[in-house]
């Protein structure tokens, strides 16, 4: 699957510590390679179809799978306290 980052997610990754950003991106690439397999630290988001979140340390990465276009769209990269606020 093609991995797409929103503008907000790309900006957050650039502002993170380089090691943490590299680890998050590596985890996302592993998921994109086989998105429907079981991955550690990934949970389905309730109330939304094909929406998941990756947990990496204090960071949360919500993403959506689009089966029709074969893309994985990363919405944001935020800390635990920020990501679930509306």
Protein backbone atom coordinates (compact mmCIF):
# COMPACT_ATOMS: atom_id res chain seq x y z
CA UNK A 1 0.00 0.00 0.00
CA UNK A 2 1.11 3.53 -0.71
CA UNK A 3 1.84 5.55 2.42
CA UNK A 4 0.57 9.16 2.38
CA UNK A 5 1.22 11.74 5.10
CA UNK A 6 -1.05 14.71 5.75
CA UNK A 7 0.63 18.11 5.93
CA UNK A 8 0.11 18.11 9.71
CA UNK A 9 1.68 14.65 10.09
CA UNK A 10 4.71 15.56 7.97
CA UNK A 11 5.26 18.75 9.96
CA UNK A 12 5.03 16.87 13.26
CA UNK A 13 7.56 14.27 12.09
CA UNK A 14 10.01 17.02 11.08
CA UNK A 15 9.71 18.62 14.52
CA UNK A 16 10.21 15.37 16.47
CA UNK A 17 13.53 14.04 17.71
CA UNK A 18 15.19 12.34 14.70
CA UNK A 19 15.37 8.90 16.34
CA UNK A 20 11.71 8.97 17.36
CA UNK A 21 10.60 10.20 13.94
CA UNK A 22 12.61 7.46 12.21
CA UNK A 23 11.11 4.81 14.49
CA UNK A 24 7.55 6.02 13.84
CA UNK A 25 8.11 6.13 10.08
CA UNK A 26 9.67 2.65 10.12
CA UNK A 27 6.66 1.28 12.01
CA UNK A 28 4.29 2.93 9.52
CA UNK A 29 6.21 1.45 6.59
CA UNK A 30 5.99 -2.04 8.14
CA UNK A 31 2.24 -1.60 8.54
CA UNK A 32 1.83 -0.30 4.98
CA UNK A 33 3.66 -3.36 3.65
CA UNK A 34 0.94 -5.63 5.11
CA UNK A 35 -1.85 -3.47 6.56
CA UNK A 36 -4.31 -6.27 7.31
CA UNK A 37 -1.91 -8.42 9.34
CA UNK A 38 -1.80 -8.16 13.12
CA UNK A 39 0.68 -5.54 14.25
CA UNK A 40 1.71 -4.79 17.81
CA UNK A 41 0.59 -1.43 19.18
CA UNK A 42 -2.09 -0.98 16.51
CA UNK A 43 -5.77 -0.76 17.40
CA UNK A 44 -8.90 -0.14 15.38
CA UNK A 45 -10.59 3.19 16.12
CA UNK A 46 -14.18 2.77 17.20
CA UNK A 47 -16.95 4.37 15.19
CA UNK A 48 -14.94 4.72 11.98
CA UNK A 49 -14.46 2.28 9.14
CA UNK A 50 -10.88 1.27 8.31
CA UNK A 51 -9.44 3.74 10.85
CA UNK A 52 -6.62 2.67 13.14
CA UNK A 53 -4.02 4.16 15.44
CA UNK A 54 -0.41 3.26 16.02
CA UNK A 55 1.04 3.73 19.49
CA UNK A 56 4.76 4.35 19.70
CA UNK A 57 5.87 5.43 23.17
CA UNK A 58 4.11 8.70 23.98
CA UNK A 59 3.17 9.23 20.33
CA UNK A 60 -0.13 8.31 18.69
CA UNK A 61 -0.55 8.09 14.94
CA UNK A 62 -4.12 7.82 13.62
CA UNK A 63 -4.38 6.55 10.06
CA UNK A 64 -7.00 5.35 7.62
CA UNK A 65 -6.80 2.57 5.03
CA UNK A 66 -8.45 3.17 1.68
CA UNK A 67 -8.93 -0.21 0.06
CA UNK A 68 -10.25 1.28 -3.18
CA UNK A 69 -7.12 3.34 -3.91
CA UNK A 70 -4.72 1.08 -1.96
CA UNK A 71 -3.45 3.94 0.19
CA UNK A 72 -2.70 4.37 3.87
CA UNK A 73 -3.36 7.96 4.90
CA UNK A 74 -1.61 9.17 8.06
CA UNK A 75 -3.74 11.91 9.60
CA UNK A 76 -1.51 13.19 12.40
CA UNK A 77 1.38 12.43 14.72
CA UNK A 78 0.65 13.74 18.20
CA UNK A 79 1.25 12.96 21.83
CA UNK A 80 -1.29 10.94 23.75
CA UNK A 81 -2.76 14.00 25.44
CA UNK A 82 -3.27 15.88 22.18
CA UNK A 83 -4.47 13.28 19.70
CA UNK A 84 -7.85 12.44 21.23
CA UNK A 85 -8.97 16.03 21.85
CA UNK A 86 -11.67 17.37 19.56
